[in-house]
């Protein structure tokens, strides 16, 4: 069994492309659920530019290093291999 060490359960990835490509990745997930909030026992995903940071200006997003193609995962209690398979 894998145990996280040295960081928390929030993982951010940046994919190639932009917001459209990030939305396509999230839309194709089956196990990981799209949610505006990242608090739960199941793995949840969000795209910050259309959820938690949607109210920020482009300048504020740039300053916060929030990219359109970013996806945040709040890793839940599922088997890590199931999460990895879903993302693959």
PDB file of N, CA and C in Angstrom:
ATOM      1  N   UNK A   1       0.847  -1.176   0.000  1.00  0.00           N
ATOM      2  CA  UNK A   1       0.000   0.000   0.000  1.00  0.00           C
ATOM      3  C   UNK A   1       0.890   1.235   0.000  1.00  0.00           C
ATOM      4  N   UNK A   2       0.515   2.241  -0.790  1.00  0.00           N
ATOM      5  CA  UNK A   2       1.294   3.478  -0.869  1.00  0.00           C
ATOM      6  C   UNK A   2       0.831   4.428   0.218  1.00  0.00           C
ATOM      7  N   UNK A   3       1.768   5.075   0.872  1.00  0.00           N
ATOM      8  CA  UNK A   3       1.465   6.064   1.895  1.00  0.00           C
ATOM      9  C   UNK A   3       2.098   7.387   1.473  1.00  0.00           C
ATOM     10  N   UNK A   4       1.284   8.473   1.460  1.00  0.00           N
ATOM     11  CA  UNK A   4       1.827   9.787   1.134  1.00  0.00           C
ATOM     12  C   UNK A   4       2.839  10.204   2.190  1.00  0.00           C
ATOM     13  N   UNK A   5       3.947  10.764   1.741  1.00  0.00           N
ATOM     14  CA  UNK A   5       4.973  11.266   2.655  1.00  0.00           C
ATOM     15  C   UNK A   5       5.441  12.619   2.157  1.00  0.00           C
ATOM     16  N   UNK A   6       5.505  13.588   3.060  1.00  0.00           N
ATOM     17  CA  UNK A   6       6.084  14.879   2.716  1.00  0.00           C
ATOM     18  C   UNK A   6       5.145  15.878   2.082  1.00  0.00           C
ATOM     19  N   UNK A   7       3.870  15.530   1.908  1.00  0.00           N
ATOM     20  CA  UNK A   7       2.913  16.481   1.363  1.00  0.00           C
ATOM     21  C   UNK A   7       1.509  16.029   1.705  1.00  0.00           C
ATOM     22  N   UNK A   8       0.535  16.860   1.387  1.00  0.00           N
ATOM     23  CA  UNK A   8      -0.845  16.548   1.710  1.00  0.00           C
ATOM     24  C   UNK A   8      -1.549  15.814   0.597  1.00  0.00           C
ATOM     25  N   UNK A   9      -2.858  15.731   0.714  1.00  0.00           N
ATOM     26  CA  UNK A   9      -3.665  14.979  -0.244  1.00  0.00           C
ATOM     27  C   UNK A   9      -4.144  15.786  -1.435  1.00  0.00           C
ATOM     28  N   UNK A  10      -3.674  17.036  -1.584  1.00  0.00           N
ATOM     29  CA  UNK A  10      -4.036  17.839  -2.756  1.00  0.00           C
ATOM     30  C   UNK A  10      -2.876  17.762  -3.743  1.00  0.00           C
ATOM     31  N   UNK A  11      -3.188  17.324  -4.944  1.00  0.00           N
ATOM     32  CA  UNK A  11      -2.183  17.198  -5.998  1.00  0.00           C
ATOM     33  C   UNK A  11      -2.650  18.042  -7.170  1.00  0.00           C
ATOM     34  N   UNK A  12      -1.774  18.891  -7.695  1.00  0.00           N
ATOM     35  CA  UNK A  12      -2.101  19.731  -8.846  1.00  0.00           C
ATOM     36  C   UNK A  12      -1.276  19.284 -10.034  1.00  0.00           C
ATOM     37  N   UNK A  13      -1.938  19.115 -11.162  1.00  0.00           N
ATOM     38  CA  UNK A  13      -1.222  18.777 -12.393  1.00  0.00           C
ATOM     39  C   UNK A  13      -1.502  19.858 -13.427  1.00  0.00           C
ATOM     40  N   UNK A  14      -0.577  20.029 -14.352  1.00  0.00           N
ATOM     41  CA  UNK A  14      -0.748  20.949 -15.474  1.00  0.00           C
ATOM     42  C   UNK A  14      -0.641  20.101 -16.725  1.00  0.00           C
ATOM     43  N   UNK A  15      -1.695  20.124 -17.528  1.00  0.00           N
ATOM     44  CA  UNK A  15      -1.679  19.318 -18.740  1.00  0.00           C
ATOM     45  C   UNK A  15      -1.318  20.186 -19.938  1.00  0.00           C
ATOM     46  N   UNK A  16      -0.975  19.543 -21.048  1.00  0.00           N
ATOM     47  CA  UNK A  16      -0.697  20.279 -22.279  1.00  0.00           C
ATOM     48  C   UNK A  16      -1.998  20.850 -22.805  1.00  0.00           C
ATOM     49  N   UNK A  17      -1.939  22.059 -23.306  1.00  0.00           N
ATOM     50  CA  UNK A  17      -3.125  22.699 -23.852  1.00  0.00           C
ATOM     51  C   UNK A  17      -3.611  23.800 -22.945  1.00  0.00           C
ATOM     52  N   UNK A  18      -4.907  24.014 -22.945  1.00  0.00           N
ATOM     53  CA  UNK A  18      -5.504  25.087 -22.159  1.00  0.00           C
ATOM     54  C   UNK A  18      -6.706  24.589 -21.372  1.00  0.00           C
ATOM     55  N   UNK A  19      -7.614  25.515 -21.073  1.00  0.00           N
ATOM     56  CA  UNK A  19      -8.794  25.190 -20.264  1.00  0.00           C
ATOM     57  C   UNK A  19      -9.651  24.123 -20.950  1.00  0.00           C
ATOM     58  N   UNK A  20      -9.791  24.214 -22.252  1.00  0.00           N
ATOM     59  CA  UNK A  20     -10.611  23.243 -22.999  1.00  0.00           C
ATOM     60  C   UNK A  20     -10.069  21.825 -22.817  1.00  0.00           C
ATOM     61  N   UNK A  21      -8.758  21.673 -22.882  1.00  0.00           N
ATOM     62  CA  UNK A  21      -8.148  20.350 -22.727  1.00  0.00           C
ATOM     63  C   UNK A  21      -8.269  19.852 -21.278  1.00  0.00           C
ATOM     64  N   UNK A  22      -8.137  20.780 -20.319  1.00  0.00           N
ATOM     65  CA  UNK A  22      -8.293  20.397 -18.909  1.00  0.00           C
ATOM     66  C   UNK A  22      -9.717  19.913 -18.655  1.00  0.00           C
ATOM     67  N   UNK A  23     -10.696  20.608 -19.229  1.00  0.00           N
ATOM     68  CA  UNK A  23     -12.091  20.202 -19.060  1.00  0.00           C
ATOM     69  C   UNK A  23     -12.347  18.837 -19.690  1.00  0.00           C
ATOM     70  N   UNK A  24     -11.693  18.555 -20.813  1.00  0.00           N
ATOM     71  CA  UNK A  24     -11.852  17.256 -21.474  1.00  0.00           C
ATOM     72  C   UNK A  24     -11.304  16.143 -20.578  1.00  0.00           C
ATOM     73  N   UNK A  25     -10.144  16.373 -19.956  1.00  0.00           N
ATOM     74  CA  UNK A  25      -9.573  15.378 -19.045  1.00  0.00           C
ATOM     75  C   UNK A  25     -10.538  15.106 -17.900  1.00  0.00           C
ATOM     76  N   UNK A  26     -11.027  16.168 -17.266  1.00  0.00           N
ATOM     77  CA  UNK A  26     -11.935  16.011 -16.129  1.00  0.00           C
ATOM     78  C   UNK A  26     -13.229  15.313 -16.569  1.00  0.00           C
ATOM     79  N   UNK A  27     -13.759  15.675 -17.724  1.00  0.00           N
ATOM     80  CA  UNK A  27     -14.996  15.059 -18.221  1.00  0.00           C
ATOM     81  C   UNK A  27     -14.838  13.566 -18.496  1.00  0.00           C
ATOM     82  N   UNK A  28     -13.622  13.118 -18.795  1.00  0.00           N
ATOM     83  CA  UNK A  28     -13.394  11.708 -19.110  1.00  0.00           C
ATOM     84  C   UNK A  28     -13.075  10.849 -17.889  1.00  0.00           C
ATOM     85  N   UNK A  29     -12.913  11.451 -16.721  1.00  0.00           N
ATOM     86  CA  UNK A  29     -12.672  10.675 -15.511  1.00  0.00           C
ATOM     87  C   UNK A  29     -13.942   9.933 -15.114  1.00  0.00           C
ATOM     88  N   UNK A  30     -13.794   8.726 -14.596  1.00  0.00           N
ATOM     89  CA  UNK A  30     -14.944   7.940 -14.163  1.00  0.00           C
ATOM     90  C   UNK A  30     -14.987   7.772 -12.649  1.00  0.00           C
ATOM     91  N   UNK A  31     -13.851   7.496 -12.038  1.00  0.00           N
ATOM     92  CA  UNK A  31     -13.785   7.299 -10.593  1.00  0.00           C
ATOM     93  C   UNK A  31     -13.689   8.639  -9.868  1.00  0.00           C
ATOM     94  N   UNK A  32     -12.821   9.499 -10.328  1.00  0.00           N
ATOM     95  CA  UNK A  32     -12.604  10.810  -9.713  1.00  0.00           C
ATOM     96  C   UNK A  32     -13.740  11.734 -10.126  1.00  0.00           C
ATOM     97  N   UNK A  33     -14.369  12.361  -9.144  1.00  0.00           N
ATOM     98  CA  UNK A  33     -15.552  13.181  -9.380  1.00  0.00           C
ATOM     99  C   UNK A  33     -15.210  14.659  -9.483  1.00  0.00           C
ATOM    100  N   UNK A  34     -15.825  15.350 -10.430  1.00  0.00           N
ATOM    101  CA  UNK A  34     -15.652  16.789 -10.560  1.00  0.00           C
ATOM    102  C   UNK A  34     -16.494  17.467  -9.485  1.00  0.00           C
ATOM    103  N   UNK A  35     -15.881  18.369  -8.731  1.00  0.00           N
ATOM    104  CA  UNK A  35     -16.592  19.041  -7.642  1.00  0.00           C
ATOM    105  C   UNK A  35     -15.993  20.412  -7.388  1.00  0.00           C
ATOM    106  N   UNK A  36     -16.816  21.399  -7.048  1.00  0.00           N
ATOM    107  CA  UNK A  36     -16.291  22.731  -6.754  1.00  0.00           C
ATOM    108  C   UNK A  36     -15.555  22.790  -5.425  1.00  0.00           C
ATOM    109  N   UNK A  37     -15.847  21.856  -4.535  1.00  0.00           N
ATOM    110  CA  UNK A  37     -15.200  21.792  -3.222  1.00  0.00           C
ATOM    111  C   UNK A  37     -14.299  20.569  -3.196  1.00  0.00           C
ATOM    112  N   UNK A  38     -13.197  20.672  -2.485  1.00  0.00           N
ATOM    113  CA  UNK A  38     -12.266  19.543  -2.438  1.00  0.00           C
ATOM    114  C   UNK A  38     -12.284  18.867  -1.075  1.00  0.00           C
ATOM    115  N   UNK A  39     -13.426  18.820  -0.415  1.00  0.00           N
ATOM    116  CA  UNK A  39     -13.507  18.182   0.894  1.00  0.00           C
ATOM    117  C   UNK A  39     -14.416  16.975   0.840  1.00  0.00           C
ATOM    118  N   UNK A  40     -13.862  15.791   0.928  1.00  0.00           N
ATOM    119  CA  UNK A  40     -14.656  14.573   0.914  1.00  0.00           C
ATOM    120  C   UNK A  40     -13.759  13.377   1.054  1.00  0.00           C
ATOM    121  N   UNK A  41     -14.367  12.190   1.200  1.00  0.00           N
ATOM    122  CA  UNK A  41     -13.563  10.975   1.334  1.00  0.00           C
ATOM    123  C   UNK A  41     -13.255  10.358  -0.013  1.00  0.00           C
ATOM    124  N   UNK A  42     -13.990  10.781  -1.063  1.00  0.00           N
ATOM    125  CA  UNK A  42     -13.705  10.280  -2.394  1.00  0.00           C
ATOM    126  C   UNK A  42     -12.776  11.259  -3.109  1.00  0.00           C
ATOM    127  N   UNK A  43     -12.084  10.771  -4.116  1.00  0.00           N
ATOM    128  CA  UNK A  43     -11.195  11.643  -4.878  1.00  0.00           C
ATOM    129  C   UNK A  43     -12.039  12.618  -5.684  1.00  0.00           C
ATOM    130  N   UNK A  44     -11.761  13.904  -5.481  1.00  0.00           N
ATOM    131  CA  UNK A  44     -12.486  14.969  -6.167  1.00  0.00           C
ATOM    132  C   UNK A  44     -11.504  15.771  -7.008  1.00  0.00           C
ATOM    133  N   UNK A  45     -11.972  16.301  -8.120  1.00  0.00           N
ATOM    134  CA  UNK A  45     -11.125  17.109  -8.992  1.00  0.00           C
ATOM    135  C   UNK A  45     -11.804  18.441  -9.277  1.00  0.00           C
ATOM    136  N   UNK A  46     -10.985  19.446  -9.512  1.00  0.00           N
ATOM    137  CA  UNK A  46     -11.520  20.749  -9.913  1.00  0.00           C
ATOM    138  C   UNK A  46     -10.529  21.433 -10.836  1.00  0.00           C
ATOM    139  N   UNK A  47     -11.058  22.341 -11.618  1.00  0.00           N
ATOM    140  CA  UNK A  47     -10.244  23.200 -12.480  1.00  0.00           C
ATOM    141  C   UNK A  47     -10.329  24.585 -11.843  1.00  0.00           C
ATOM    142  N   UNK A  48      -9.267  25.043 -11.198  1.00  0.00           N
ATOM    143  CA  UNK A  48      -9.328  26.287 -10.430  1.00  0.00           C
ATOM    144  C   UNK A  48      -9.863  27.507 -11.182  1.00  0.00           C
ATOM    145  N   UNK A  49      -9.518  27.661 -12.477  1.00  0.00           N
ATOM    146  CA  UNK A  49      -9.957  28.871 -13.192  1.00  0.00           C
ATOM    147  C   UNK A  49     -11.465  28.930 -13.402  1.00  0.00           C
ATOM    148  N   UNK A  50     -12.160  27.793 -13.246  1.00  0.00           N
ATOM    149  CA  UNK A  50     -13.622  27.816 -13.384  1.00  0.00           C
ATOM    150  C   UNK A  50     -14.306  27.419 -12.076  1.00  0.00           C
ATOM    151  N   UNK A  51     -13.534  27.306 -10.999  1.00  0.00           N
ATOM    152  CA  UNK A  51     -14.141  26.971  -9.705  1.00  0.00           C
ATOM    153  C   UNK A  51     -13.596  27.898  -8.618  1.00  0.00           C
ATOM    154  N   UNK A  52     -12.607  27.463  -7.894  1.00  0.00           N
ATOM    155  CA  UNK A  52     -12.123  28.196  -6.722  1.00  0.00           C
ATOM    156  C   UNK A  52     -11.536  29.574  -7.034  1.00  0.00           C
ATOM    157  N   UNK A  53     -11.040  29.790  -8.249  1.00  0.00           N
ATOM    158  CA  UNK A  53     -10.415  31.061  -8.608  1.00  0.00           C
ATOM    159  C   UNK A  53     -11.145  31.774  -9.750  1.00  0.00           C
ATOM    160  N   UNK A  54     -12.380  31.384 -10.021  1.00  0.00           N
ATOM    161  CA  UNK A  54     -13.134  31.930 -11.161  1.00  0.00           C
ATOM    162  C   UNK A  54     -13.341  33.439 -11.057  1.00  0.00           C
ATOM    163  N   UNK A  55     -13.365  33.972  -9.867  1.00  0.00           N
ATOM    164  CA  UNK A  55     -13.614  35.403  -9.647  1.00  0.00           C
ATOM    165  C   UNK A  55     -12.381  36.276  -9.860  1.00  0.00           C
ATOM    166  N   UNK A  56     -11.208  35.660 -10.005  1.00  0.00           N
ATOM    167  CA  UNK A  56      -9.980  36.453 -10.119  1.00  0.00           C
ATOM    168  C   UNK A  56      -9.770  36.963 -11.538  1.00  0.00           C
ATOM    169  N   UNK A  57      -9.123  38.111 -11.616  1.00  0.00           N
ATOM    170  CA  UNK A  57      -8.784  38.694 -12.913  1.00  0.00           C
ATOM    171  C   UNK A  57      -7.633  37.897 -13.530  1.00  0.00           C
ATOM    172  N   UNK A  58      -7.420  38.047 -14.839  1.00  0.00           N
ATOM    173  CA  UNK A  58      -6.276  37.377 -15.460  1.00  0.00           C
ATOM    174  C   UNK A  58      -4.944  37.740 -14.783  1.00  0.00           C
ATOM    175  N   UNK A  59      -4.815  38.976 -14.356  1.00  0.00           N
ATOM    176  CA  UNK A  59      -3.579  39.408 -13.692  1.00  0.00           C
ATOM    177  C   UNK A  59      -3.408  38.695 -12.346  1.00  0.00           C
ATOM    178  N   UNK A  60      -4.500  38.579 -11.591  1.00  0.00           N
ATOM    179  CA  UNK A  60      -4.440  37.895 -10.299  1.00  0.00           C
ATOM    180  C   UNK A  60      -4.142  36.404 -10.474  1.00  0.00           C
ATOM    181  N   UNK A  61      -4.740  35.800 -11.505  1.00  0.00           N
ATOM    182  CA  UNK A  61      -4.452  34.393 -11.789  1.00  0.00           C
ATOM    183  C   UNK A  61      -2.980  34.202 -12.116  1.00  0.00           C
ATOM    184  N   UNK A  62      -2.439  35.099 -12.928  1.00  0.00           N
ATOM    185  CA  UNK A  62      -1.020  35.017 -13.291  1.00  0.00           C
ATOM    186  C   UNK A  62      -0.141  35.167 -12.056  1.00  0.00           C
ATOM    187  N   UNK A  63      -0.463  36.127 -11.212  1.00  0.00           N
ATOM    188  CA  UNK A  63       0.324  36.345  -9.991  1.00  0.00           C
ATOM    189  C   UNK A  63       0.257  35.127  -9.068  1.00  0.00           C
ATOM    190  N   UNK A  64      -0.896  34.471  -9.011  1.00  0.00           N
ATOM    191  CA  UNK A  64      -1.057  33.286  -8.159  1.00  0.00           C
ATOM    192  C   UNK A  64      -0.555  32.011  -8.841  1.00  0.00           C
ATOM    193  N   UNK A  65      -0.082  32.145 -10.084  1.00  0.00           N
ATOM    194  CA  UNK A  65       0.407  31.014 -10.872  1.00  0.00           C
ATOM    195  C   UNK A  65      -0.677  29.956 -11.101  1.00  0.00           C
ATOM    196  N   UNK A  66      -1.905  30.431 -11.294  1.00  0.00           N
ATOM    197  CA  UNK A  66      -3.035  29.560 -11.603  1.00  0.00           C
ATOM    198  C   UNK A  66      -3.203  29.558 -13.116  1.00  0.00           C
ATOM    199  N   UNK A  67      -2.991  28.412 -13.733  1.00  0.00           N
ATOM    200  CA  UNK A  67      -3.047  28.282 -15.181  1.00  0.00           C
ATOM    201  C   UNK A  67      -4.385  27.688 -15.627  1.00  0.00           C
ATOM    202  N   UNK A  68      -4.850  28.038 -16.842  1.00  0.00           N
ATOM    203  CA  UNK A  68      -6.116  27.493 -17.339  1.00  0.00           C
ATOM    204  C   UNK A  68      -6.109  25.962 -17.443  1.00  0.00           C
ATOM    205  N   UNK A  69      -4.940  25.380 -17.654  1.00  0.00           N
ATOM    206  CA  UNK A  69      -4.842  23.938 -17.853  1.00  0.00           C
ATOM    207  C   UNK A  69      -4.524  23.168 -16.563  1.00  0.00           C
ATOM    208  N   UNK A  70      -4.678  23.816 -15.417  1.00  0.00           N
ATOM    209  CA  UNK A  70      -4.428  23.163 -14.123  1.00  0.00           C
ATOM    210  C   UNK A  70      -5.632  22.361 -13.677  1.00  0.00           C
ATOM    211  N   UNK A  71      -5.372  21.184 -13.137  1.00  0.00           N
ATOM    212  CA  UNK A  71      -6.402  20.351 -12.528  1.00  0.00           C
ATOM    213  C   UNK A  71      -5.921  20.006 -11.128  1.00  0.00           C
ATOM    214  N   UNK A  72      -6.794  20.193 -10.137  1.00  0.00           N
ATOM    215  CA  UNK A  72      -6.451  19.848  -8.758  1.00  0.00           C
ATOM    216  C   UNK A  72      -7.205  18.602  -8.349  1.00  0.00           C
ATOM    217  N   UNK A  73      -6.473  17.692  -7.730  1.00  0.00           N
ATOM    218  CA  UNK A  73      -7.053  16.459  -7.203  1.00  0.00           C
ATOM    219  C   UNK A  73      -6.999  16.514  -5.684  1.00  0.00           C
ATOM    220  N   UNK A  74      -8.121  16.275  -5.041  1.00  0.00           N
ATOM    221  CA  UNK A  74      -8.159  16.046  -3.603  1.00  0.00           C
ATOM    222  C   UNK A  74      -8.249  14.536  -3.464  1.00  0.00           C
ATOM    223  N   UNK A  75      -7.126  13.918  -3.166  1.00  0.00           N
ATOM    224  CA  UNK A  75      -7.027  12.457  -3.191  1.00  0.00           C
ATOM    225  C   UNK A  75      -7.834  11.858  -2.045  1.00  0.00           C
ATOM    226  N   UNK A  76      -8.705  10.930  -2.401  1.00  0.00           N
ATOM    227  CA  UNK A  76      -9.589  10.301  -1.428  1.00  0.00           C
ATOM    228  C   UNK A  76      -9.052   8.975  -0.917  1.00  0.00           C
ATOM    229  N   UNK A  77      -9.965   8.157  -0.450  1.00  0.00           N
ATOM    230  CA  UNK A  77      -9.612   6.900   0.199  1.00  0.00           C
ATOM    231  C   UNK A  77      -9.612   5.696  -0.728  1.00  0.00           C
ATOM    232  N   UNK A  78      -9.848   5.917  -2.018  1.00  0.00           N
ATOM    233  CA  UNK A  78      -9.845   4.802  -2.957  1.00  0.00           C
ATOM    234  C   UNK A  78      -8.456   4.159  -3.041  1.00  0.00           C
ATOM    235  N   UNK A  79      -8.421   2.984  -3.576  1.00  0.00           N
ATOM    236  CA  UNK A  79      -7.139   2.322  -3.834  1.00  0.00           C
ATOM    237  C   UNK A  79      -6.348   3.196  -4.806  1.00  0.00           C
ATOM    238  N   UNK A  80      -5.104   3.522  -4.481  1.00  0.00           N
ATOM    239  CA  UNK A  80      -4.308   4.384  -5.372  1.00  0.00           C
ATOM    240  C   UNK A  80      -4.244   3.876  -6.810  1.00  0.00           C
ATOM    241  N   UNK A  81      -4.180   2.570  -6.998  1.00  0.00           N
ATOM    242  CA  UNK A  81      -4.115   2.026  -8.364  1.00  0.00           C
ATOM    243  C   UNK A  81      -5.394   2.317  -9.140  1.00  0.00           C
ATOM    244  N   UNK A  82      -6.543   2.352  -8.461  1.00  0.00           N
ATOM    245  CA  UNK A  82      -7.806   2.699  -9.129  1.00  0.00           C
ATOM    246  C   UNK A  82      -7.777   4.152  -9.603  1.00  0.00           C
ATOM    247  N   UNK A  83      -7.231   5.028  -8.787  1.00  0.00           N
ATOM    248  CA  UNK A  83      -7.117   6.455  -9.164  1.00  0.00           C
ATOM    249  C   UNK A  83      -6.185   6.590 -10.353  1.00  0.00           C
ATOM    250  N   UNK A  84      -5.052   5.914 -10.293  1.00  0.00           N
ATOM    251  CA  UNK A  84      -4.071   5.978 -11.379  1.00  0.00           C
ATOM    252  C   UNK A  84      -4.681   5.464 -12.675  1.00  0.00           C
ATOM    253  N   UNK A  85      -5.426   4.346 -12.605  1.00  0.00           N
ATOM    254  CA  UNK A  85      -6.090   3.809 -13.804  1.00  0.00           C
ATOM    255  C   UNK A  85      -7.084   4.816 -14.372  1.00  0.00           C
ATOM    256  N   UNK A  86      -7.824   5.496 -13.517  1.00  0.00           N
ATOM    257  CA  UNK A  86      -8.789   6.475 -13.977  1.00  0.00           C
ATOM    258  C   UNK A  86      -8.105   7.615 -14.710  1.00  0.00           C
ATOM    259  N   UNK A  87      -7.013   8.105 -14.167  1.00  0.00           N
ATOM    260  CA  UNK A  87      -6.286   9.215 -14.787  1.00  0.00           C
ATOM    261  C   UNK A  87      -5.614   8.764 -16.076  1.00  0.00           C
ATOM    262  N   UNK A  88      -5.069   7.555 -16.095  1.00  0.00           N
ATOM    263  CA  UNK A  88      -4.457   7.045 -17.329  1.00  0.00           C
ATOM    264  C   UNK A  88      -5.474   6.957 -18.453  1.00  0.00           C
TER     265      UNK A  88
END
